[in-house]
Amino acid sequence: MAQASTSDLGFAARLRSRTAAAHRDAEGSPFIDALTHGTLPLPDYARFLRQLFVIYTALEQSGRLRATDPTVVPFLDDGLLRVPELSRDLAYIDGPDWELRINPLPATTEYANRITEASVDSAAGFIAHHYLRYLGDLSGGQIMRRAVERAYGFTTDGVRFFRFDAIPNAKPFKDAYRRHLDTIQLTDAEQELIIAEANLGFAHNRALFVELGQTQ
């Protein structure tokens, strides 16, 4: 039987296919390898969470600004929000003065700025970063969660970032998310923008992981 070409697939499948190489490249960093194998020292894990706090602050502020955009609304769900959970994890690991320790790396600042700029420019730009972050957290992020739990003995505090207690069953949620990608009214140009922006987002992730590895 002939295999379907990417042009025959729905947009969600094409988005996944055309970002797969950039996704693999981002995940292939030594920093992420250490995290998923449970060999990353706790101070380096805490530094990672601090960078994520900056990134998700930019993403979730952008989401609030687009909260009435009909193209964006189907993707927004308070159960996805990570800034409150990162705040609790950092308070647990770093103590009550955790906010004083937020020191974005250059790669983090560039990534957060790109999220803000892309989200201001278009709904498609926001959707690209929303898709990359949250569907990643609900998928491969759960592998990281189990590694972190084993490495540091965390069960709730310290690993709240990876827990989606308001989304107890990730599969139907992700399926619905992909259906939204397939059914929202996007022009061909907007679809291409989402693909390009998601690939750029993975490149920003790769740059961040490299920089985190260099500062260990």
N, C-alpha and C. Protein backbone atom coordinates (compact mmCIF):
# COMPACT_ATOMS: atom_id res chain seq x y z
N MET A 1 0.85 -1.19 0.00
CA MET A 1 0.00 0.00 0.00
C MET A 1 0.88 1.24 0.00
N ALA A 2 0.54 2.20 -0.85
CA ALA A 2 1.35 3.42 -0.93
C ALA A 2 1.22 4.22 0.36
N GLN A 3 2.33 4.80 0.79
CA GLN A 3 2.34 5.61 2.01
C GLN A 3 1.86 7.02 1.68
N ALA A 4 1.03 7.59 2.55
CA ALA A 4 0.51 8.93 2.32
C ALA A 4 1.63 9.95 2.37
N SER A 5 1.59 10.92 1.48
CA SER A 5 2.56 12.01 1.53
C SER A 5 2.14 13.00 2.60
N THR A 6 3.09 13.85 3.00
CA THR A 6 2.76 14.83 4.04
C THR A 6 1.64 15.75 3.59
N SER A 7 1.50 15.98 2.29
CA SER A 7 0.45 16.87 1.81
C SER A 7 -0.94 16.26 2.00
N ASP A 8 -1.01 14.93 2.19
CA ASP A 8 -2.30 14.26 2.40
C ASP A 8 -2.70 14.23 3.87
N LEU A 9 -1.81 14.62 4.75
CA LEU A 9 -2.07 14.55 6.18
C LEU A 9 -2.79 15.80 6.65
N GLY A 10 -3.44 15.69 7.82
CA GLY A 10 -3.99 16.87 8.46
C GLY A 10 -2.87 17.78 8.93
N PHE A 11 -3.23 19.01 9.29
CA PHE A 11 -2.20 19.96 9.66
C PHE A 11 -1.41 19.51 10.89
N ALA A 12 -2.08 18.96 11.88
CA ALA A 12 -1.37 18.53 13.10
C ALA A 12 -0.30 17.50 12.77
N ALA A 13 -0.62 16.56 11.90
CA ALA A 13 0.36 15.54 11.52
C ALA A 13 1.49 16.15 10.69
N ARG A 14 1.16 17.08 9.82
CA ARG A 14 2.20 17.73 9.02
C ARG A 14 3.11 18.59 9.91
N LEU A 15 2.52 19.25 10.88
CA LEU A 15 3.32 20.05 11.81
C LEU A 15 4.30 19.16 12.57
N ARG A 16 3.82 18.04 13.04
CA ARG A 16 4.70 17.12 13.77
C ARG A 16 5.80 16.58 12.86
N SER A 17 5.42 16.19 11.63
CA SER A 17 6.40 15.63 10.70
C SER A 17 7.47 16.64 10.33
N ARG A 18 7.07 17.86 10.06
CA ARG A 18 8.01 18.85 9.55
C ARG A 18 8.80 19.56 10.65
N THR A 19 8.52 19.22 11.91
CA THR A 19 9.34 19.73 13.01
C THR A 19 10.11 18.60 13.71
N ALA A 20 9.97 17.38 13.21
CA ALA A 20 10.56 16.23 13.89
C ALA A 20 12.08 16.32 13.97
N ALA A 21 12.73 16.75 12.90
CA ALA A 21 14.19 16.82 12.91
C ALA A 21 14.68 17.84 13.92
N ALA A 22 14.04 19.02 13.95
CA ALA A 22 14.43 20.05 14.91
C ALA A 22 14.15 19.59 16.34
N HIS A 23 13.07 18.85 16.52
CA HIS A 23 12.73 18.31 17.84
C HIS A 23 13.81 17.34 18.31
N ARG A 24 14.20 16.42 17.44
CA ARG A 24 15.25 15.46 17.80
C ARG A 24 16.56 16.17 18.12
N ASP A 25 16.88 17.19 17.36
CA ASP A 25 18.12 17.93 17.57
C ASP A 25 18.13 18.59 18.94
N ALA A 26 16.99 19.16 19.33
CA ALA A 26 16.90 19.82 20.63
C ALA A 26 17.04 18.81 21.76
N GLU A 27 16.41 17.65 21.60
CA GLU A 27 16.44 16.64 22.66
C GLU A 27 17.79 15.94 22.77
N GLY A 28 18.64 16.09 21.75
CA GLY A 28 19.90 15.36 21.73
C GLY A 28 21.03 16.00 22.49
N SER A 29 20.75 17.01 23.30
CA SER A 29 21.82 17.70 24.01
C SER A 29 22.29 16.90 25.22
N PRO A 30 23.56 17.01 25.59
CA PRO A 30 24.06 16.32 26.79
C PRO A 30 23.32 16.73 28.06
N PHE A 31 22.88 17.99 28.14
CA PHE A 31 22.16 18.45 29.34
C PHE A 31 20.86 17.66 29.52
N ILE A 32 20.09 17.52 28.45
CA ILE A 32 18.84 16.78 28.53
C ILE A 32 19.11 15.29 28.75
N ASP A 33 20.18 14.79 28.18
CA ASP A 33 20.55 13.39 28.40
C ASP A 33 20.82 13.15 29.88
N ALA A 34 21.53 14.07 30.53
CA ALA A 34 21.81 13.93 31.96
C ALA A 34 20.52 14.02 32.78
N LEU A 35 19.63 14.92 32.37
CA LEU A 35 18.36 15.06 33.09
C LEU A 35 17.53 13.79 32.99
N THR A 36 17.40 13.25 31.79
CA THR A 36 16.55 12.07 31.61
C THR A 36 17.17 10.79 32.16
N HIS A 37 18.49 10.80 32.37
CA HIS A 37 19.14 9.63 32.95
C HIS A 37 19.38 9.78 34.46
N GLY A 38 18.87 10.86 35.02
CA GLY A 38 18.94 11.03 36.47
C GLY A 38 20.31 11.35 37.01
N THR A 39 21.20 11.89 36.15
CA THR A 39 22.56 12.20 36.61
C THR A 39 22.81 13.70 36.72
N LEU A 40 21.80 14.51 36.52
CA LEU A 40 21.97 15.96 36.60
C LEU A 40 21.95 16.39 38.06
N PRO A 41 22.98 17.11 38.54
CA PRO A 41 22.97 17.58 39.93
C PRO A 41 21.77 18.47 40.21
N LEU A 42 21.28 18.42 41.44
CA LEU A 42 20.09 19.19 41.80
C LEU A 42 20.25 20.69 41.54
N PRO A 43 21.40 21.32 41.84
CA PRO A 43 21.52 22.75 41.54
C PRO A 43 21.33 23.07 40.06
N ASP A 44 21.74 22.14 39.18
CA ASP A 44 21.55 22.36 37.75
C ASP A 44 20.09 22.18 37.35
N TYR A 45 19.40 21.28 38.01
CA TYR A 45 17.97 21.14 37.77
C TYR A 45 17.24 22.41 38.19
N ALA A 46 17.61 22.97 39.34
CA ALA A 46 16.99 24.21 39.81
C ALA A 46 17.25 25.35 38.84
N ARG A 47 18.45 25.40 38.27
CA ARG A 47 18.77 26.44 37.30
C ARG A 47 17.93 26.28 36.04
N PHE A 48 17.69 25.06 35.66
CA PHE A 48 16.82 24.76 34.52
C PHE A 48 15.41 25.29 34.79
N LEU A 49 14.86 25.03 35.98
CA LEU A 49 13.52 25.51 36.31
C LEU A 49 13.47 27.03 36.30
N ARG A 50 14.54 27.68 36.72
CA ARG A 50 14.55 29.15 36.71
C ARG A 50 14.45 29.69 35.29
N GLN A 51 15.12 29.02 34.37
CA GLN A 51 15.03 29.45 32.97
C GLN A 51 13.62 29.21 32.44
N LEU A 52 13.02 28.09 32.80
CA LEU A 52 11.66 27.81 32.36
C LEU A 52 10.68 28.83 32.92
N PHE A 53 10.93 29.31 34.12
CA PHE A 53 10.04 30.32 34.70
C PHE A 53 9.99 31.56 33.81
N VAL A 54 11.13 31.98 33.31
CA VAL A 54 11.19 33.15 32.43
C VAL A 54 10.45 32.88 31.12
N ILE A 55 10.67 31.69 30.57
CA ILE A 55 10.07 31.33 29.28
C ILE A 55 8.55 31.22 29.39
N TYR A 56 8.07 30.55 30.44
CA TYR A 56 6.63 30.39 30.58
C TYR A 56 5.94 31.68 31.01
N THR A 57 6.65 32.55 31.70
CA THR A 57 6.08 33.86 32.00
C THR A 57 5.79 34.60 30.70
N ALA A 58 6.72 34.57 29.76
CA ALA A 58 6.51 35.22 28.46
C ALA A 58 5.35 34.57 27.71
N LEU A 59 5.30 33.24 27.72
CA LEU A 59 4.25 32.54 26.98
C LEU A 59 2.87 32.80 27.59
N GLU A 60 2.78 32.75 28.90
CA GLU A 60 1.47 32.87 29.53
C GLU A 60 0.99 34.31 29.58
N GLN A 61 1.90 35.27 29.63
CA GLN A 61 1.50 36.67 29.46
C GLN A 61 0.98 36.88 28.04
N SER A 62 1.61 36.28 27.06
CA SER A 62 1.15 36.38 25.67
C SER A 62 -0.23 35.75 25.51
N GLY A 63 -0.47 34.64 26.20
CA GLY A 63 -1.77 34.00 26.15
C GLY A 63 -2.86 34.89 26.70
N ARG A 64 -2.57 35.61 27.79
CA ARG A 64 -3.57 36.51 28.35
C ARG A 64 -3.90 37.64 27.38
N LEU A 65 -2.90 38.10 26.66
CA LEU A 65 -3.13 39.18 25.69
C LEU A 65 -3.97 38.71 24.51
N ARG A 66 -3.97 37.42 24.24
CA ARG A 66 -4.73 36.87 23.11
C ARG A 66 -5.94 36.06 23.58
N ALA A 67 -6.36 36.30 24.81
CA ALA A 67 -7.41 35.47 25.41
C ALA A 67 -8.76 35.61 24.74
N THR A 68 -8.97 36.66 23.96
CA THR A 68 -10.24 36.81 23.26
C THR A 68 -10.11 36.58 21.75
N ASP A 69 -8.95 36.16 21.31
CA ASP A 69 -8.73 35.89 19.89
C ASP A 69 -9.40 34.56 19.54
N PRO A 70 -10.40 34.56 18.65
CA PRO A 70 -11.12 33.31 18.37
C PRO A 70 -10.25 32.20 17.79
N THR A 71 -9.13 32.56 17.15
CA THR A 71 -8.23 31.52 16.64
C THR A 71 -7.47 30.85 17.76
N VAL A 72 -7.20 31.60 18.80
CA VAL A 72 -6.38 31.11 19.92
C VAL A 72 -7.21 30.43 21.00
N VAL A 73 -8.43 30.91 21.22
CA VAL A 73 -9.25 30.45 22.34
C VAL A 73 -9.34 28.93 22.47
N PRO A 74 -9.51 28.17 21.37
CA PRO A 74 -9.64 26.70 21.54
C PRO A 74 -8.43 26.03 22.19
N PHE A 75 -7.28 26.69 22.17
CA PHE A 75 -6.06 26.09 22.72
C PHE A 75 -5.81 26.46 24.18
N LEU A 76 -6.49 27.49 24.65
CA LEU A 76 -6.21 27.99 25.99
C LEU A 76 -6.95 27.15 27.03
N ASP A 77 -6.23 26.78 28.07
CA ASP A 77 -6.81 25.98 29.15
C ASP A 77 -5.99 26.27 30.40
N ASP A 78 -6.66 26.73 31.45
CA ASP A 78 -5.94 27.08 32.68
C ASP A 78 -5.19 25.89 33.27
N GLY A 79 -5.63 24.69 32.94
CA GLY A 79 -4.94 23.50 33.44
C GLY A 79 -3.54 23.33 32.88
N LEU A 80 -3.24 24.05 31.81
CA LEU A 80 -1.91 23.99 31.21
C LEU A 80 -0.91 24.92 31.90
N LEU A 81 -1.38 25.95 32.56
CA LEU A 81 -0.50 27.02 33.04
C LEU A 81 0.59 26.48 33.96
N ARG A 82 1.83 26.86 33.66
CA ARG A 82 2.98 26.34 34.38
C ARG A 82 3.63 27.33 35.33
N VAL A 83 3.41 28.61 35.17
CA VAL A 83 4.07 29.59 36.03
C VAL A 83 3.72 29.36 37.51
N PRO A 84 2.46 29.12 37.86
CA PRO A 84 2.17 28.85 39.28
C PRO A 84 2.90 27.62 39.80
N GLU A 85 3.00 26.58 38.97
CA GLU A 85 3.67 25.35 39.41
C GLU A 85 5.18 25.53 39.50
N LEU A 86 5.74 26.27 38.57
CA LEU A 86 7.18 26.57 38.66
C LEU A 86 7.48 27.40 39.90
N SER A 87 6.60 28.32 40.24
CA SER A 87 6.79 29.13 41.44
C SER A 87 6.84 28.26 42.69
N ARG A 88 5.96 27.29 42.74
CA ARG A 88 5.92 26.39 43.90
C ARG A 88 7.14 25.48 43.94
N ASP A 89 7.56 24.97 42.80
CA ASP A 89 8.77 24.13 42.76
C ASP A 89 9.99 24.92 43.21
N LEU A 90 10.12 26.14 42.70
CA LEU A 90 11.31 26.94 43.03
C LEU A 90 11.29 27.36 44.50
N ALA A 91 10.13 27.65 45.04
CA ALA A 91 10.05 27.97 46.47
C ALA A 91 10.47 26.76 47.31
N TYR A 92 10.12 25.57 46.85
CA TYR A 92 10.48 24.35 47.57
C TYR A 92 11.98 24.09 47.50
N ILE A 93 12.58 24.29 46.33
CA ILE A 93 13.99 23.97 46.14
C ILE A 93 14.90 25.11 46.62
N ASP A 94 14.54 26.34 46.25
CA ASP A 94 15.42 27.49 46.52
C ASP A 94 15.06 28.26 47.78
N GLY A 95 13.88 28.04 48.33
CA GLY A 95 13.47 28.76 49.53
C GLY A 95 12.63 29.99 49.20
N PRO A 96 12.23 30.73 50.24
CA PRO A 96 11.30 31.84 50.05
C PRO A 96 11.85 33.00 49.21
N ASP A 97 13.16 33.08 49.09
CA ASP A 97 13.75 34.15 48.29
C ASP A 97 14.08 33.70 46.87
N TRP A 98 13.36 32.70 46.38
CA TRP A 98 13.67 32.09 45.08
C TRP A 98 13.66 33.10 43.94
N GLU A 99 12.80 34.10 44.02
CA GLU A 99 12.71 35.06 42.92
C GLU A 99 14.00 35.86 42.75
N LEU A 100 14.76 36.01 43.84
CA LEU A 100 16.02 36.74 43.75
C LEU A 100 17.06 35.96 42.95
N ARG A 101 16.83 34.68 42.78
CA ARG A 101 17.79 33.83 42.07
C ARG A 101 17.49 33.69 40.58
N ILE A 102 16.41 34.30 40.13
CA ILE A 102 16.08 34.24 38.70
C ILE A 102 17.08 35.09 37.94
N ASN A 103 17.91 34.42 37.17
CA ASN A 103 18.96 35.10 36.41
C ASN A 103 18.98 34.49 35.01
N PRO A 104 18.21 35.06 34.09
CA PRO A 104 18.08 34.43 32.77
C PRO A 104 19.42 34.36 32.03
N LEU A 105 19.68 33.22 31.45
CA LEU A 105 20.82 33.09 30.55
C LEU A 105 20.52 33.84 29.25
N PRO A 106 21.54 34.23 28.49
CA PRO A 106 21.27 34.91 27.21
C PRO A 106 20.33 34.14 26.30
N ALA A 107 20.50 32.82 26.24
CA ALA A 107 19.62 32.02 25.39
C ALA A 107 18.18 32.05 25.89
N THR A 108 18.00 32.13 27.20
CA THR A 108 16.66 32.22 27.77
C THR A 108 16.01 33.53 27.40
N THR A 109 16.75 34.62 27.52
CA THR A 109 16.22 35.93 27.17
C THR A 109 15.83 35.99 25.71
N GLU A 110 16.68 35.46 24.85
CA GLU A 110 16.37 35.46 23.41
C GLU A 110 15.11 34.64 23.12
N TYR A 111 14.99 33.51 23.77
CA TYR A 111 13.82 32.64 23.56
C TYR A 111 12.55 33.34 24.05
N ALA A 112 12.58 33.88 25.25
CA ALA A 112 11.40 34.55 25.80
C ALA A 112 11.00 35.75 24.94
N ASN A 113 11.99 36.50 24.49
CA ASN A 113 11.69 37.65 23.62
C ASN A 113 11.06 37.20 22.31
N ARG A 114 11.53 36.07 21.78
CA ARG A 114 10.98 35.58 20.52
C ARG A 114 9.52 35.15 20.70
N ILE A 115 9.21 34.50 21.82
CA ILE A 115 7.83 34.12 22.10
C ILE A 115 6.94 35.35 22.12
N THR A 116 7.39 36.39 22.82
CA THR A 116 6.61 37.62 22.91
C THR A 116 6.42 38.27 21.55
N GLU A 117 7.50 38.37 20.79
CA GLU A 117 7.43 39.02 19.48
C GLU A 117 6.51 38.24 18.53
N ALA A 118 6.68 36.93 18.49
CA ALA A 118 5.87 36.11 17.58
C ALA A 118 4.40 36.17 17.96
N SER A 119 4.12 36.21 19.26
CA SER A 119 2.73 36.24 19.73
C SER A 119 2.07 37.58 19.45
N VAL A 120 2.83 38.64 19.54
CA VAL A 120 2.29 39.96 19.21
C VAL A 120 2.02 40.06 17.72
N ASP A 121 2.89 39.47 16.93
CA ASP A 121 2.77 39.57 15.47
C ASP A 121 1.53 38.85 14.94
N SER A 122 1.21 37.68 15.49
CA SER A 122 0.10 36.91 14.92
C SER A 122 -0.36 35.81 15.87
N ALA A 123 -1.62 35.40 15.69
CA ALA A 123 -2.13 34.25 16.43
C ALA A 123 -1.35 33.00 16.07
N ALA A 124 -0.97 32.88 14.79
CA ALA A 124 -0.21 31.71 14.36
C ALA A 124 1.12 31.61 15.10
N GLY A 125 1.79 32.73 15.29
CA GLY A 125 3.05 32.72 16.01
C GLY A 125 2.87 32.25 17.44
N PHE A 126 1.81 32.71 18.10
CA PHE A 126 1.55 32.26 19.47
C PHE A 126 1.25 30.77 19.50
N ILE A 127 0.40 30.31 18.59
CA ILE A 127 0.03 28.89 18.57
C ILE A 127 1.25 28.01 18.40
N ALA A 128 2.21 28.43 17.60
CA ALA A 128 3.42 27.63 17.38
C ALA A 128 4.14 27.37 18.69
N HIS A 129 4.33 28.42 19.49
CA HIS A 129 5.06 28.26 20.75
C HIS A 129 4.20 27.55 21.80
N HIS A 130 2.90 27.80 21.79
CA HIS A 130 1.98 27.12 22.70
C HIS A 130 2.02 25.61 22.44
N TYR A 131 1.94 25.24 21.18
CA TYR A 131 1.99 23.83 20.78
C TYR A 131 3.31 23.19 21.21
N LEU A 132 4.40 23.84 20.90
CA LEU A 132 5.72 23.28 21.20
C LEU A 132 5.88 23.01 22.69
N ARG A 133 5.51 24.00 23.50
CA ARG A 133 5.76 23.87 24.94
C ARG A 133 4.80 22.87 25.58
N TYR A 134 3.51 23.10 25.44
CA TYR A 134 2.57 22.32 26.25
C TYR A 134 2.38 20.89 25.76
N LEU A 135 2.32 20.68 24.46
CA LEU A 135 2.22 19.30 24.01
C LEU A 135 3.51 18.54 24.31
N GLY A 136 4.63 19.24 24.29
CA GLY A 136 5.88 18.62 24.70
C GLY A 136 5.87 18.25 26.17
N ASP A 137 5.32 19.13 27.00
CA ASP A 137 5.25 18.85 28.44
C ASP A 137 4.35 17.66 28.74
N LEU A 138 3.28 17.53 27.97
CA LEU A 138 2.34 16.44 28.19
C LEU A 138 2.82 15.12 27.59
N SER A 139 3.86 15.18 26.78
CA SER A 139 4.38 13.98 26.12
C SER A 139 5.76 13.65 26.69
N GLY A 140 6.82 14.07 26.00
CA GLY A 140 8.17 13.78 26.48
C GLY A 140 8.47 14.33 27.86
N GLY A 141 7.76 15.38 28.24
CA GLY A 141 7.97 15.94 29.57
C GLY A 141 7.67 14.96 30.68
N GLN A 142 6.81 13.99 30.40
CA GLN A 142 6.49 13.00 31.44
C GLN A 142 7.62 12.00 31.64
N ILE A 143 8.44 11.81 30.62
CA ILE A 143 9.66 11.00 30.79
C ILE A 143 10.62 11.74 31.72
N MET A 144 10.74 13.04 31.50
CA MET A 144 11.59 13.85 32.39
C MET A 144 11.06 13.81 33.82
N ARG A 145 9.76 13.89 33.95
CA ARG A 145 9.16 13.87 35.29
C ARG A 145 9.58 12.62 36.06
N ARG A 146 9.46 11.46 35.42
CA ARG A 146 9.81 10.22 36.11
C ARG A 146 11.30 10.19 36.46
N ALA A 147 12.13 10.74 35.57
CA ALA A 147 13.57 10.77 35.84
C ALA A 147 13.87 11.68 37.02
N VAL A 148 13.21 12.81 37.09
CA VAL A 148 13.42 13.76 38.19
C VAL A 148 12.95 13.15 39.51
N GLU A 149 11.81 12.48 39.48
CA GLU A 149 11.30 11.84 40.70
C GLU A 149 12.30 10.82 41.22
N ARG A 150 12.86 10.02 40.32
CA ARG A 150 13.84 9.01 40.74
C ARG A 150 15.13 9.65 41.23
N ALA A 151 15.59 10.67 40.53
CA ALA A 151 16.89 11.25 40.83
C ALA A 151 16.91 11.99 42.17
N TYR A 152 15.85 12.74 42.46
CA TYR A 152 15.86 13.61 43.64
C TYR A 152 14.87 13.19 44.72
N GLY A 153 14.11 12.14 44.46
CA GLY A 153 13.16 11.68 45.45
C GLY A 153 11.92 12.56 45.57
N PHE A 154 11.66 13.40 44.58
CA PHE A 154 10.48 14.25 44.59
C PHE A 154 9.25 13.42 44.22
N THR A 155 8.12 13.78 44.82
CA THR A 155 6.85 13.17 44.43
C THR A 155 5.84 14.22 44.00
N THR A 156 5.85 15.35 44.67
CA THR A 156 4.94 16.45 44.32
C THR A 156 5.73 17.74 44.23
N ASP A 157 6.11 18.29 45.38
CA ASP A 157 6.95 19.49 45.38
C ASP A 157 8.28 19.18 44.70
N GLY A 158 8.71 20.12 43.87
CA GLY A 158 9.95 19.93 43.12
C GLY A 158 9.72 19.39 41.72
N VAL A 159 8.55 18.78 41.53
CA VAL A 159 8.23 18.22 40.22
C VAL A 159 6.83 18.65 39.76
N ARG A 160 6.32 19.70 40.39
CA ARG A 160 4.99 20.19 40.02
C ARG A 160 4.94 20.68 38.57
N PHE A 161 6.06 21.21 38.08
CA PHE A 161 6.09 21.69 36.70
C PHE A 161 5.63 20.62 35.72
N PHE A 162 5.99 19.37 36.00
CA PHE A 162 5.69 18.27 35.09
C PHE A 162 4.33 17.64 35.35
N ARG A 163 3.69 18.02 36.46
CA ARG A 163 2.40 17.43 36.83
C ARG A 163 1.26 18.29 36.27
N PHE A 164 0.32 17.64 35.64
CA PHE A 164 -0.87 18.33 35.14
C PHE A 164 -2.08 17.74 35.85
N ASP A 165 -2.25 18.11 37.11
CA ASP A 165 -3.30 17.50 37.91
C ASP A 165 -4.70 17.82 37.39
N ALA A 166 -4.84 18.95 36.68
CA ALA A 166 -6.14 19.32 36.12
C ALA A 166 -6.41 18.61 34.80
N ILE A 167 -5.41 17.88 34.30
CA ILE A 167 -5.56 17.11 33.06
C ILE A 167 -5.16 15.67 33.37
N PRO A 168 -6.01 14.93 34.05
CA PRO A 168 -5.62 13.59 34.53
C PRO A 168 -5.35 12.58 33.43
N ASN A 169 -5.94 12.78 32.27
CA ASN A 169 -5.73 11.85 31.16
C ASN A 169 -5.23 12.65 29.96
N ALA A 170 -3.93 12.58 29.73
CA ALA A 170 -3.31 13.43 28.71
C ALA A 170 -3.72 13.07 27.29
N LYS A 171 -3.94 11.79 27.02
CA LYS A 171 -4.17 11.38 25.62
C LYS A 171 -5.40 12.05 25.00
N PRO A 172 -6.59 11.98 25.63
CA PRO A 172 -7.73 12.65 24.99
C PRO A 172 -7.53 14.16 24.89
N PHE A 173 -6.81 14.74 25.84
CA PHE A 173 -6.55 16.17 25.76
C PHE A 173 -5.68 16.48 24.54
N LYS A 174 -4.62 15.70 24.36
CA LYS A 174 -3.74 15.93 23.21
C LYS A 174 -4.46 15.65 21.89
N ASP A 175 -5.31 14.64 21.89
CA ASP A 175 -6.09 14.34 20.68
C ASP A 175 -6.98 15.52 20.33
N ALA A 176 -7.62 16.10 21.35
CA ALA A 176 -8.50 17.25 21.10
C ALA A 176 -7.69 18.45 20.62
N TYR A 177 -6.51 18.63 21.18
CA TYR A 177 -5.64 19.73 20.78
C TYR A 177 -5.28 19.59 19.30
N ARG A 178 -4.94 18.39 18.89
CA ARG A 178 -4.57 18.16 17.48
C ARG A 178 -5.78 18.35 16.56
N ARG A 179 -6.97 18.00 17.05
CA ARG A 179 -8.16 18.25 16.24
C ARG A 179 -8.38 19.75 16.05
N HIS A 180 -8.09 20.53 17.09
CA HIS A 180 -8.19 21.99 16.94
C HIS A 180 -7.22 22.47 15.86
N LEU A 181 -6.02 21.94 15.86
CA LEU A 181 -5.05 22.32 14.83
C LEU A 181 -5.57 21.98 13.43
N ASP A 182 -6.27 20.87 13.33
CA ASP A 182 -6.78 20.42 12.03
C ASP A 182 -8.00 21.22 11.57
N THR A 183 -8.74 21.78 12.51
CA THR A 183 -10.03 22.37 12.15
C THR A 183 -10.08 23.89 12.21
N ILE A 184 -9.14 24.54 12.89
CA ILE A 184 -9.18 26.00 12.91
C ILE A 184 -8.91 26.53 11.51
N GLN A 185 -9.48 27.68 11.24
CA GLN A 185 -9.37 28.27 9.91
C GLN A 185 -8.02 28.98 9.78
N LEU A 186 -7.09 28.32 9.11
CA LEU A 186 -5.77 28.89 8.87
C LEU A 186 -5.48 28.90 7.39
N THR A 187 -4.92 29.98 6.90
CA THR A 187 -4.48 30.01 5.51
C THR A 187 -3.24 29.14 5.35
N ASP A 188 -2.90 28.84 4.12
CA ASP A 188 -1.66 28.09 3.88
C ASP A 188 -0.46 28.85 4.43
N ALA A 189 -0.47 30.17 4.28
CA ALA A 189 0.64 30.99 4.79
C ALA A 189 0.72 30.91 6.30
N GLU A 190 -0.42 30.90 6.99
CA GLU A 190 -0.42 30.81 8.45
C GLU A 190 0.07 29.43 8.91
N GLN A 191 -0.30 28.40 8.19
CA GLN A 191 0.19 27.06 8.53
C GLN A 191 1.71 26.99 8.37
N GLU A 192 2.21 27.56 7.29
CA GLU A 192 3.66 27.58 7.09
C GLU A 192 4.36 28.39 8.16
N LEU A 193 3.72 29.47 8.60
CA LEU A 193 4.31 30.29 9.67
C LEU A 193 4.41 29.49 10.96
N ILE A 194 3.36 28.75 11.29
CA ILE A 194 3.39 27.93 12.51
C ILE A 194 4.52 26.91 12.44
N ILE A 195 4.66 26.25 11.31
CA ILE A 195 5.73 25.26 11.14
C ILE A 195 7.10 25.92 11.29
N ALA A 196 7.29 27.06 10.63
CA ALA A 196 8.58 27.74 10.70
C ALA A 196 8.86 28.23 12.12
N GLU A 197 7.85 28.76 12.78
CA GLU A 197 8.04 29.30 14.13
C GLU A 197 8.30 28.17 15.14
N ALA A 198 7.63 27.04 14.95
CA ALA A 198 7.88 25.90 15.84
C ALA A 198 9.30 25.39 15.67
N ASN A 199 9.78 25.32 14.42
CA ASN A 199 11.17 24.93 14.20
C ASN A 199 12.13 25.91 14.85
N LEU A 200 11.81 27.19 14.78
CA LEU A 200 12.65 28.19 15.44
C LEU A 200 12.61 28.00 16.95
N GLY A 201 11.44 27.66 17.48
CA GLY A 201 11.32 27.41 18.92
C GLY A 201 12.19 26.24 19.36
N PHE A 202 12.22 25.19 18.56
CA PHE A 202 13.09 24.06 18.90
C PHE A 202 14.56 24.47 18.85
N ALA A 203 14.91 25.34 17.91
CA ALA A 203 16.29 25.83 17.84
C ALA A 203 16.63 26.64 19.09
N HIS A 204 15.68 27.43 19.57
CA HIS A 204 15.90 28.18 20.81
C HIS A 204 16.08 27.22 22.00
N ASN A 205 15.30 26.16 22.02
CA ASN A 205 15.46 25.16 23.08
C ASN A 205 16.85 24.54 23.04
N ARG A 206 17.29 24.20 21.84
CA ARG A 206 18.61 23.61 21.67
C ARG A 206 19.69 24.56 22.19
N ALA A 207 19.57 25.83 21.83
CA ALA A 207 20.56 26.83 22.28
C ALA A 207 20.56 26.94 23.80
N LEU A 208 19.38 26.88 24.40
CA LEU A 208 19.30 26.96 25.86
C LEU A 208 19.95 25.75 26.51
N PHE A 209 19.69 24.56 25.98
CA PHE A 209 20.28 23.36 26.58
C PHE A 209 21.81 23.38 26.45
N VAL A 210 22.29 23.87 25.32
CA VAL A 210 23.74 23.98 25.15
C VAL A 210 24.30 24.93 26.19
N GLU A 211 23.65 26.07 26.37
CA GLU A 211 24.15 27.05 27.33
C GLU A 211 24.07 26.55 28.76
N LEU A 212 22.99 25.84 29.09
CA LEU A 212 22.89 25.25 30.43
C LEU A 212 24.02 24.24 30.66
N GLY A 213 24.35 23.48 29.62
CA GLY A 213 25.44 22.52 29.75
C GLY A 213 26.80 23.19 29.93
N GLN A 214 26.98 24.34 29.31
CA GLN A 214 28.25 25.04 29.41
C GLN A 214 28.44 25.71 30.77
N THR A 215 27.34 25.97 31.46
CA THR A 215 27.43 26.69 32.74
C THR A 215 27.27 25.76 33.94
N GLN A 216 27.31 24.45 33.72
CA GLN A 216 27.22 23.50 34.82
C GLN A 216 28.43 23.61 35.74
